[in-house]
């Protein structure tokens, strides 16, 4: 299966370079920025995996997220709903009243 090549726009390249130079982001987001820049420079996946210490699926997911939905989606984690509440409001009130 042939990899989808990505071609970053000049705007995206500049944004990624600024993004990775700032110390305000999570490590995994900075890794994604490095991955996108490396893929744009046609670096082999194996080299990216070794240098950044990431798995092949991380590279695949980052690439497909960029191709499908753009730069912001590829860099940042999507909020997830989390575990549903175990107790309703009435049950919580009873527990608080007992305490």
PDB file of N, CA and C in Angstrom:
ATOM      1  N   UNK A   1       0.842  -1.179   0.000  1.00  0.00           N
ATOM      2  CA  UNK A   1       0.000   0.000   0.000  1.00  0.00           C
ATOM      3  C   UNK A   1       0.887   1.243   0.000  1.00  0.00           C
ATOM      4  N   UNK A   2       0.664   2.138  -0.913  1.00  0.00           N
ATOM      5  CA  UNK A   2       1.457   3.359  -1.041  1.00  0.00           C
ATOM      6  C   UNK A   2       0.969   4.406  -0.055  1.00  0.00           C
ATOM      7  N   UNK A   3       1.918   5.091   0.575  1.00  0.00           N
ATOM      8  CA  UNK A   3       1.607   6.135   1.536  1.00  0.00           C
ATOM      9  C   UNK A   3       1.081   7.371   0.804  1.00  0.00           C
ATOM     10  N   UNK A   4       0.151   8.055   1.414  1.00  0.00           N
ATOM     11  CA  UNK A   4      -0.315   9.319   0.879  1.00  0.00           C
ATOM     12  C   UNK A   4       0.735  10.374   1.182  1.00  0.00           C
ATOM     13  N   UNK A   5       1.205  11.043   0.163  1.00  0.00           N
ATOM     14  CA  UNK A   5       2.188  12.099   0.384  1.00  0.00           C
ATOM     15  C   UNK A   5       1.455  13.357   0.816  1.00  0.00           C
ATOM     16  N   UNK A   6       2.056  14.065   1.749  1.00  0.00           N
ATOM     17  CA  UNK A   6       1.453  15.329   2.150  1.00  0.00           C
ATOM     18  C   UNK A   6       2.326  16.466   1.642  1.00  0.00           C
ATOM     19  N   UNK A   7       1.679  17.536   1.283  1.00  0.00           N
ATOM     20  CA  UNK A   7       2.366  18.732   0.822  1.00  0.00           C
ATOM     21  C   UNK A   7       1.836  19.889   1.659  1.00  0.00           C
ATOM     22  N   UNK A   8       2.647  20.333   2.595  1.00  0.00           N
ATOM     23  CA  UNK A   8       2.245  21.429   3.469  1.00  0.00           C
ATOM     24  C   UNK A   8       2.284  22.747   2.704  1.00  0.00           C
ATOM     25  N   UNK A   9       1.318  23.600   2.989  1.00  0.00           N
ATOM     26  CA  UNK A   9       1.354  24.940   2.417  1.00  0.00           C
ATOM     27  C   UNK A   9       2.416  25.749   3.154  1.00  0.00           C
ATOM     28  N   UNK A  10       2.819  26.860   2.579  1.00  0.00           N
ATOM     29  CA  UNK A  10       3.817  27.719   3.233  1.00  0.00           C
ATOM     30  C   UNK A  10       3.284  28.238   4.565  1.00  0.00           C
ATOM     31  N   UNK A  11       1.985  28.531   4.609  1.00  0.00           N
ATOM     32  CA  UNK A  11       1.360  28.974   5.869  1.00  0.00           C
ATOM     33  C   UNK A  11       1.463  27.893   6.934  1.00  0.00           C
ATOM     34  N   UNK A  12       1.151  26.659   6.552  1.00  0.00           N
ATOM     35  CA  UNK A  12       1.209  25.546   7.503  1.00  0.00           C
ATOM     36  C   UNK A  12       2.637  25.300   7.983  1.00  0.00           C
ATOM     37  N   UNK A  13       3.604  25.393   7.067  1.00  0.00           N
ATOM     38  CA  UNK A  13       5.002  25.205   7.463  1.00  0.00           C
ATOM     39  C   UNK A  13       5.423  26.254   8.483  1.00  0.00           C
ATOM     40  N   UNK A  14       5.073  27.501   8.213  1.00  0.00           N
ATOM     41  CA  UNK A  14       5.436  28.581   9.133  1.00  0.00           C
ATOM     42  C   UNK A  14       4.751  28.388  10.480  1.00  0.00           C
ATOM     43  N   UNK A  15       3.476  28.008  10.446  1.00  0.00           N
ATOM     44  CA  UNK A  15       2.736  27.790  11.694  1.00  0.00           C
ATOM     45  C   UNK A  15       3.343  26.644  12.494  1.00  0.00           C
ATOM     46  N   UNK A  16       3.752  25.580  11.821  1.00  0.00           N
ATOM     47  CA  UNK A  16       4.357  24.439  12.511  1.00  0.00           C
ATOM     48  C   UNK A  16       5.706  24.796  13.123  1.00  0.00           C
ATOM     49  N   UNK A  17       6.492  25.588  12.422  1.00  0.00           N
ATOM     50  CA  UNK A  17       7.791  25.981  12.962  1.00  0.00           C
ATOM     51  C   UNK A  17       7.625  26.847  14.206  1.00  0.00           C
ATOM     52  N   UNK A  18       6.660  27.746  14.191  1.00  0.00           N
ATOM     53  CA  UNK A  18       6.380  28.560  15.381  1.00  0.00           C
ATOM     54  C   UNK A  18       5.823  27.677  16.487  1.00  0.00           C
ATOM     55  N   UNK A  19       4.939  26.771  16.134  1.00  0.00           N
ATOM     56  CA  UNK A  19       4.289  25.881  17.102  1.00  0.00           C
ATOM     57  C   UNK A  19       5.309  25.051  17.864  1.00  0.00           C
ATOM     58  N   UNK A  20       6.260  24.477  17.156  1.00  0.00           N
ATOM     59  CA  UNK A  20       7.214  23.598  17.827  1.00  0.00           C
ATOM     60  C   UNK A  20       8.302  24.358  18.565  1.00  0.00           C
ATOM     61  N   UNK A  21       8.475  25.641  18.271  1.00  0.00           N
ATOM     62  CA  UNK A  21       9.498  26.417  18.971  1.00  0.00           C
ATOM     63  C   UNK A  21       8.989  26.987  20.294  1.00  0.00           C
ATOM     64  N   UNK A  22       7.686  27.042  20.472  1.00  0.00           N
ATOM     65  CA  UNK A  22       7.108  27.543  21.718  1.00  0.00           C
ATOM     66  C   UNK A  22       7.052  26.412  22.734  1.00  0.00           C
ATOM     67  N   UNK A  23       7.186  26.733  23.996  1.00  0.00           N
ATOM     68  CA  UNK A  23       7.155  25.718  25.039  1.00  0.00           C
ATOM     69  C   UNK A  23       5.805  25.574  25.694  1.00  0.00           C
ATOM     70  N   UNK A  24       4.756  25.962  25.010  1.00  0.00           N
ATOM     71  CA  UNK A  24       3.422  26.001  25.607  1.00  0.00           C
ATOM     72  C   UNK A  24       2.547  24.807  25.250  1.00  0.00           C
ATOM     73  N   UNK A  25       3.080  23.854  24.527  1.00  0.00           N
ATOM     74  CA  UNK A  25       2.257  22.765  24.021  1.00  0.00           C
ATOM     75  C   UNK A  25       2.682  21.431  24.616  1.00  0.00           C
ATOM     76  N   UNK A  26       1.758  20.482  24.576  1.00  0.00           N
ATOM     77  CA  UNK A  26       2.061  19.142  25.072  1.00  0.00           C
ATOM     78  C   UNK A  26       3.059  18.457  24.137  1.00  0.00           C
ATOM     79  N   UNK A  27       3.816  17.525  24.711  1.00  0.00           N
ATOM     80  CA  UNK A  27       4.858  16.836  23.946  1.00  0.00           C
ATOM     81  C   UNK A  27       4.284  16.111  22.740  1.00  0.00           C
ATOM     82  N   UNK A  28       3.121  15.494  22.895  1.00  0.00           N
ATOM     83  CA  UNK A  28       2.569  14.750  21.758  1.00  0.00           C
ATOM     84  C   UNK A  28       2.157  15.685  20.622  1.00  0.00           C
ATOM     85  N   UNK A  29       1.734  16.914  20.956  1.00  0.00           N
ATOM     86  CA  UNK A  29       1.390  17.877  19.909  1.00  0.00           C
ATOM     87  C   UNK A  29       2.647  18.344  19.175  1.00  0.00           C
ATOM     88  N   UNK A  30       3.724  18.546  19.921  1.00  0.00           N
ATOM     89  CA  UNK A  30       4.985  18.942  19.297  1.00  0.00           C
ATOM     90  C   UNK A  30       5.513  17.804  18.420  1.00  0.00           C
ATOM     91  N   UNK A  31       5.367  16.560  18.884  1.00  0.00           N
ATOM     92  CA  UNK A  31       5.761  15.411  18.059  1.00  0.00           C
ATOM     93  C   UNK A  31       4.974  15.380  16.760  1.00  0.00           C
ATOM     94  N   UNK A  32       3.687  15.684  16.829  1.00  0.00           N
ATOM     95  CA  UNK A  32       2.869  15.694  15.612  1.00  0.00           C
ATOM     96  C   UNK A  32       3.360  16.760  14.642  1.00  0.00           C
ATOM     97  N   UNK A  33       3.760  17.913  15.176  1.00  0.00           N
ATOM     98  CA  UNK A  33       4.307  18.972  14.321  1.00  0.00           C
ATOM     99  C   UNK A  33       5.592  18.491  13.646  1.00  0.00           C
ATOM    100  N   UNK A  34       6.460  17.837  14.409  1.00  0.00           N
ATOM    101  CA  UNK A  34       7.694  17.284  13.838  1.00  0.00           C
ATOM    102  C   UNK A  34       7.374  16.239  12.766  1.00  0.00           C
ATOM    103  N   UNK A  35       6.383  15.397  13.035  1.00  0.00           N
ATOM    104  CA  UNK A  35       5.994  14.357  12.073  1.00  0.00           C
ATOM    105  C   UNK A  35       5.540  14.985  10.758  1.00  0.00           C
ATOM    106  N   UNK A  36       4.677  15.992  10.838  1.00  0.00           N
ATOM    107  CA  UNK A  36       4.169  16.621   9.620  1.00  0.00           C
ATOM    108  C   UNK A  36       5.291  17.282   8.820  1.00  0.00           C
ATOM    109  N   UNK A  37       6.193  17.965   9.511  1.00  0.00           N
ATOM    110  CA  UNK A  37       7.313  18.597   8.805  1.00  0.00           C
ATOM    111  C   UNK A  37       8.230  17.552   8.172  1.00  0.00           C
ATOM    112  N   UNK A  38       8.467  16.456   8.880  1.00  0.00           N
ATOM    113  CA  UNK A  38       9.322  15.392   8.342  1.00  0.00           C
ATOM    114  C   UNK A  38       8.670  14.720   7.137  1.00  0.00           C
ATOM    115  N   UNK A  39       7.367  14.477   7.209  1.00  0.00           N
ATOM    116  CA  UNK A  39       6.669  13.866   6.076  1.00  0.00           C
ATOM    117  C   UNK A  39       6.689  14.783   4.858  1.00  0.00           C
ATOM    118  N   UNK A  40       6.580  16.080   5.096  1.00  0.00           N
ATOM    119  CA  UNK A  40       6.633  17.038   3.997  1.00  0.00           C
ATOM    120  C   UNK A  40       8.002  17.029   3.324  1.00  0.00           C
ATOM    121  N   UNK A  41       9.050  16.742   4.101  1.00  0.00           N
ATOM    122  CA  UNK A  41      10.407  16.676   3.555  1.00  0.00           C
ATOM    123  C   UNK A  41      10.734  15.289   2.999  1.00  0.00           C
ATOM    124  N   UNK A  42       9.734  14.423   2.914  1.00  0.00           N
ATOM    125  CA  UNK A  42       9.850  13.076   2.343  1.00  0.00           C
ATOM    126  C   UNK A  42      10.790  12.171   3.138  1.00  0.00           C
ATOM    127  N   UNK A  43      10.842  12.350   4.440  1.00  0.00           N
ATOM    128  CA  UNK A  43      11.649  11.466   5.287  1.00  0.00           C
ATOM    129  C   UNK A  43      10.958  10.117   5.392  1.00  0.00           C
ATOM    130  N   UNK A  44      11.713   9.030   5.432  1.00  0.00           N
ATOM    131  CA  UNK A  44      11.106   7.705   5.584  1.00  0.00           C
ATOM    132  C   UNK A  44      10.470   7.546   6.968  1.00  0.00           C
ATOM    133  N   UNK A  45       9.385   6.801   7.002  1.00  0.00           N
ATOM    134  CA  UNK A  45       8.679   6.583   8.268  1.00  0.00           C
ATOM    135  C   UNK A  45       9.581   5.948   9.320  1.00  0.00           C
ATOM    136  N   UNK A  46      10.411   5.021   8.906  1.00  0.00           N
ATOM    137  CA  UNK A  46      11.291   4.332   9.851  1.00  0.00           C
ATOM    138  C   UNK A  46      12.226   5.313  10.556  1.00  0.00           C
ATOM    139  N   UNK A  47      12.749   6.259   9.822  1.00  0.00           N
ATOM    140  CA  UNK A  47      13.631   7.267  10.409  1.00  0.00           C
ATOM    141  C   UNK A  47      12.863   8.157  11.387  1.00  0.00           C
ATOM    142  N   UNK A  48      11.657   8.553  11.013  1.00  0.00           N
ATOM    143  CA  UNK A  48      10.821   9.372  11.898  1.00  0.00           C
ATOM    144  C   UNK A  48      10.527   8.603  13.183  1.00  0.00           C
ATOM    145  N   UNK A  49      10.213   7.321  13.040  1.00  0.00           N
ATOM    146  CA  UNK A  49       9.918   6.493  14.215  1.00  0.00           C
ATOM    147  C   UNK A  49      11.115   6.427  15.152  1.00  0.00           C
ATOM    148  N   UNK A  50      12.293   6.243  14.599  1.00  0.00           N
ATOM    149  CA  UNK A  50      13.496   6.112  15.421  1.00  0.00           C
ATOM    150  C   UNK A  50      13.869   7.429  16.093  1.00  0.00           C
ATOM    151  N   UNK A  51      13.808   8.518  15.363  1.00  0.00           N
ATOM    152  CA  UNK A  51      14.231   9.810  15.906  1.00  0.00           C
ATOM    153  C   UNK A  51      13.255  10.318  16.962  1.00  0.00           C
ATOM    154  N   UNK A  52      11.961  10.232  16.678  1.00  0.00           N
ATOM    155  CA  UNK A  52      10.963  10.780  17.600  1.00  0.00           C
ATOM    156  C   UNK A  52      10.492   9.776  18.644  1.00  0.00           C
ATOM    157  N   UNK A  53      10.770   8.507  18.423  1.00  0.00           N
ATOM    158  CA  UNK A  53      10.323   7.492  19.367  1.00  0.00           C
ATOM    159  C   UNK A  53       8.822   7.280  19.345  1.00  0.00           C
ATOM    160  N   UNK A  54       8.233   7.378  18.166  1.00  0.00           N
ATOM    161  CA  UNK A  54       6.793   7.172  18.016  1.00  0.00           C
ATOM    162  C   UNK A  54       6.550   5.913  17.198  1.00  0.00           C
ATOM    163  N   UNK A  55       5.336   5.414  17.253  1.00  0.00           N
ATOM    164  CA  UNK A  55       4.970   4.230  16.491  1.00  0.00           C
ATOM    165  C   UNK A  55       4.481   4.585  15.098  1.00  0.00           C
ATOM    166  N   UNK A  56       4.406   3.566  14.275  1.00  0.00           N
ATOM    167  CA  UNK A  56       3.951   3.762  12.898  1.00  0.00           C
ATOM    168  C   UNK A  56       2.501   4.261  12.868  1.00  0.00           C
ATOM    169  N   UNK A  57       1.672   3.770  13.784  1.00  0.00           N
ATOM    170  CA  UNK A  57       0.271   4.215  13.780  1.00  0.00           C
ATOM    171  C   UNK A  57       0.147   5.695  14.120  1.00  0.00           C
ATOM    172  N   UNK A  58       1.042   6.209  14.949  1.00  0.00           N
ATOM    173  CA  UNK A  58       1.028   7.642  15.253  1.00  0.00           C
ATOM    174  C   UNK A  58       1.283   8.446  13.985  1.00  0.00           C
ATOM    175  N   UNK A  59       2.212   7.985  13.191  1.00  0.00           N
ATOM    176  CA  UNK A  59       2.521   8.668  11.932  1.00  0.00           C
ATOM    177  C   UNK A  59       1.331   8.576  10.984  1.00  0.00           C
ATOM    178  N   UNK A  60       0.747   7.403  10.876  1.00  0.00           N
ATOM    179  CA  UNK A  60      -0.407   7.221   9.988  1.00  0.00           C
ATOM    180  C   UNK A  60      -1.581   8.094  10.413  1.00  0.00           C
ATOM    181  N   UNK A  61      -1.866   8.101  11.697  1.00  0.00           N
ATOM    182  CA  UNK A  61      -3.005   8.893  12.184  1.00  0.00           C
ATOM    183  C   UNK A  61      -2.778  10.385  11.988  1.00  0.00           C
ATOM    184  N   UNK A  62      -1.553  10.829  12.232  1.00  0.00           N
ATOM    185  CA  UNK A  62      -1.244  12.249  12.054  1.00  0.00           C
ATOM    186  C   UNK A  62      -1.374  12.639  10.588  1.00  0.00           C
ATOM    187  N   UNK A  63      -0.855  11.797   9.707  1.00  0.00           N
ATOM    188  CA  UNK A  63      -0.945  12.069   8.273  1.00  0.00           C
ATOM    189  C   UNK A  63      -2.402  12.117   7.821  1.00  0.00           C
ATOM    190  N   UNK A  64      -3.179  11.118   8.192  1.00  0.00           N
ATOM    191  CA  UNK A  64      -4.568  11.074   7.724  1.00  0.00           C
ATOM    192  C   UNK A  64      -5.396  12.206   8.325  1.00  0.00           C
ATOM    193  N   UNK A  65      -5.112  12.591   9.568  1.00  0.00           N
ATOM    194  CA  UNK A  65      -5.838  13.709  10.181  1.00  0.00           C
ATOM    195  C   UNK A  65      -5.552  15.003   9.430  1.00  0.00           C
ATOM    196  N   UNK A  66      -4.303  15.199   9.026  1.00  0.00           N
ATOM    197  CA  UNK A  66      -3.955  16.410   8.276  1.00  0.00           C
ATOM    198  C   UNK A  66      -4.620  16.405   6.902  1.00  0.00           C
ATOM    199  N   UNK A  67      -4.570  15.284   6.227  1.00  0.00           N
ATOM    200  CA  UNK A  67      -5.136  15.202   4.877  1.00  0.00           C
ATOM    201  C   UNK A  67      -6.651  15.390   4.911  1.00  0.00           C
ATOM    202  N   UNK A  68      -7.309  14.786   5.905  1.00  0.00           N
ATOM    203  CA  UNK A  68      -8.766  14.822   5.952  1.00  0.00           C
ATOM    204  C   UNK A  68      -9.326  16.128   6.511  1.00  0.00           C
ATOM    205  N   UNK A  69      -8.702  16.647   7.596  1.00  0.00           N
ATOM    206  CA  UNK A  69      -9.341  17.772   8.283  1.00  0.00           C
ATOM    207  C   UNK A  69      -8.448  18.969   8.554  1.00  0.00           C
ATOM    208  N   UNK A  70      -7.202  18.940   8.131  1.00  0.00           N
ATOM    209  CA  UNK A  70      -6.368  20.122   8.252  1.00  0.00           C
ATOM    210  C   UNK A  70      -5.418  20.117   9.435  1.00  0.00           C
ATOM    211  N   UNK A  71      -4.695  21.215   9.560  1.00  0.00           N
ATOM    212  CA  UNK A  71      -3.596  21.321  10.510  1.00  0.00           C
ATOM    213  C   UNK A  71      -4.048  21.292  11.965  1.00  0.00           C
ATOM    214  N   UNK A  72      -5.036  22.096  12.325  1.00  0.00           N
ATOM    215  CA  UNK A  72      -5.469  22.144  13.727  1.00  0.00           C
ATOM    216  C   UNK A  72      -5.951  20.788  14.218  1.00  0.00           C
ATOM    217  N   UNK A  73      -6.695  20.100  13.391  1.00  0.00           N
ATOM    218  CA  UNK A  73      -7.201  18.780  13.774  1.00  0.00           C
ATOM    219  C   UNK A  73      -6.063  17.782  13.936  1.00  0.00           C
ATOM    220  N   UNK A  74      -5.038  17.891  13.096  1.00  0.00           N
ATOM    221  CA  UNK A  74      -3.912  16.957  13.164  1.00  0.00           C
ATOM    222  C   UNK A  74      -3.058  17.185  14.403  1.00  0.00           C
ATOM    223  N   UNK A  75      -2.975  18.421  14.876  1.00  0.00           N
ATOM    224  CA  UNK A  75      -2.105  18.726  16.011  1.00  0.00           C
ATOM    225  C   UNK A  75      -2.754  18.474  17.363  1.00  0.00           C
ATOM    226  N   UNK A  76      -4.016  18.804  17.493  1.00  0.00           N
ATOM    227  CA  UNK A  76      -4.657  18.801  18.807  1.00  0.00           C
ATOM    228  C   UNK A  76      -5.544  17.582  19.016  1.00  0.00           C
ATOM    229  N   UNK A  77      -5.618  17.148  20.274  1.00  0.00           N
ATOM    230  CA  UNK A  77      -6.494  16.038  20.632  1.00  0.00           C
ATOM    231  C   UNK A  77      -7.946  16.497  20.601  1.00  0.00           C
ATOM    232  N   UNK A  78      -8.821  15.607  20.201  1.00  0.00           N
ATOM    233  CA  UNK A  78     -10.245  15.893  20.184  1.00  0.00           C
ATOM    234  C   UNK A  78     -10.802  15.573  21.566  1.00  0.00           C
ATOM    235  N   UNK A  79     -11.628  16.466  22.084  1.00  0.00           N
ATOM    236  CA  UNK A  79     -12.229  16.230  23.395  1.00  0.00           C
ATOM    237  C   UNK A  79     -13.149  15.018  23.322  1.00  0.00           C
ATOM    238  N   UNK A  80     -13.071  14.186  24.343  1.00  0.00           N
ATOM    239  CA  UNK A  80     -13.910  12.991  24.390  1.00  0.00           C
ATOM    240  C   UNK A  80     -14.885  13.122  25.550  1.00  0.00           C
ATOM    241  N   UNK A  81     -16.008  12.442  25.472  1.00  0.00           N
ATOM    242  CA  UNK A  81     -17.049  12.642  26.483  1.00  0.00           C
ATOM    243  C   UNK A  81     -16.702  12.100  27.867  1.00  0.00           C
ATOM    244  N   UNK A  82     -15.854  11.117  27.955  1.00  0.00           N
ATOM    245  CA  UNK A  82     -15.509  10.560  29.261  1.00  0.00           C
ATOM    246  C   UNK A  82     -16.515   9.518  29.718  1.00  0.00           C
ATOM    247  N   UNK A  83     -16.279   9.016  30.919  1.00  0.00           N
ATOM    248  CA  UNK A  83     -17.134   7.971  31.469  1.00  0.00           C
ATOM    249  C   UNK A  83     -18.460   8.574  31.932  1.00  0.00           C
ATOM    250  N   UNK A  84     -19.577   7.881  31.698  1.00  0.00           N
ATOM    251  CA  UNK A  84     -20.866   8.401  32.158  1.00  0.00           C
ATOM    252  C   UNK A  84     -20.926   8.422  33.689  1.00  0.00           C
ATOM    253  N   UNK A  85     -21.730   9.311  34.215  1.00  0.00           N
ATOM    254  CA  UNK A  85     -21.875   9.423  35.666  1.00  0.00           C
ATOM    255  C   UNK A  85     -22.492   8.153  36.236  1.00  0.00           C
ATOM    256  N   UNK A  86     -21.997   7.757  37.416  1.00  0.00           N
ATOM    257  CA  UNK A  86     -22.517   6.559  38.058  1.00  0.00           C
ATOM    258  C   UNK A  86     -23.734   6.865  38.921  1.00  0.00           C
ATOM    259  N   UNK A  87     -23.796   8.079  39.433  1.00  0.00           N
ATOM    260  CA  UNK A  87     -24.887   8.451  40.331  1.00  0.00           C
ATOM    261  C   UNK A  87     -25.611   9.669  39.779  1.00  0.00           C
ATOM    262  N   UNK A  88     -26.933   9.656  39.925  1.00  0.00           N
ATOM    263  CA  UNK A  88     -27.732  10.788  39.503  1.00  0.00           C
ATOM    264  C   UNK A  88     -27.667  11.909  40.530  1.00  0.00           C
ATOM    265  N   UNK A  89     -28.311  13.013  40.227  1.00  0.00           N
ATOM    266  CA  UNK A  89     -28.294  14.175  41.117  1.00  0.00           C
ATOM    267  C   UNK A  89     -28.935  13.841  42.457  1.00  0.00           C
ATOM    268  N   UNK A  90     -30.045  13.097  42.437  1.00  0.00           N
ATOM    269  CA  UNK A  90     -30.718  12.730  43.692  1.00  0.00           C
ATOM    270  C   UNK A  90     -29.828  11.840  44.553  1.00  0.00           C
ATOM    271  N   UNK A  91     -29.167  10.886  43.923  1.00  0.00           N
ATOM    272  CA  UNK A  91     -28.282   9.987  44.671  1.00  0.00           C
ATOM    273  C   UNK A  91     -27.090  10.747  45.245  1.00  0.00           C
ATOM    274  N   UNK A  92     -26.569  11.697  44.517  1.00  0.00           N
ATOM    275  CA  UNK A  92     -25.461  12.505  45.028  1.00  0.00           C
ATOM    276  C   UNK A  92     -25.905  13.315  46.238  1.00  0.00           C
ATOM    277  N   UNK A  93     -27.111  13.857  46.176  1.00  0.00           N
ATOM    278  CA  UNK A  93     -27.632  14.643  47.303  1.00  0.00           C
ATOM    279  C   UNK A  93     -27.785  13.769  48.544  1.00  0.00           C
ATOM    280  N   UNK A  94     -28.235  12.532  48.366  1.00  0.00           N
ATOM    281  CA  UNK A  94     -28.373  11.620  49.509  1.00  0.00           C
ATOM    282  C   UNK A  94     -27.013  11.310  50.130  1.00  0.00           C
ATOM    283  N   UNK A  95     -26.013  11.091  49.291  1.00  0.00           N
ATOM    284  CA  UNK A  95     -24.667  10.790  49.793  1.00  0.00           C
ATOM    285  C   UNK A  95     -24.108  11.984  50.558  1.00  0.00           C
ATOM    286  N   UNK A  96     -24.307  13.179  50.033  1.00  0.00           N
ATOM    287  CA  UNK A  96     -23.828  14.383  50.716  1.00  0.00           C
ATOM    288  C   UNK A  96     -24.549  14.558  52.044  1.00  0.00           C
ATOM    289  N   UNK A  97     -25.847  14.255  52.077  1.00  0.00           N
ATOM    290  CA  UNK A  97     -26.620  14.391  53.321  1.00  0.00           C
ATOM    291  C   UNK A  97     -26.131  13.402  54.376  1.00  0.00           C
ATOM    292  N   UNK A  98     -25.696  12.224  53.959  1.00  0.00           N
ATOM    293  CA  UNK A  98     -25.190  11.234  54.909  1.00  0.00           C
ATOM    294  C   UNK A  98     -23.818  11.624  55.453  1.00  0.00           C
ATOM    295  N   UNK A  99     -23.054  12.323  54.686  1.00  0.00           N
ATOM    296  CA  UNK A  99     -21.684  12.666  55.107  1.00  0.00           C
ATOM    297  C   UNK A  99     -21.643  13.797  56.043  1.00  0.00           C
TER     298      UNK A  99
END
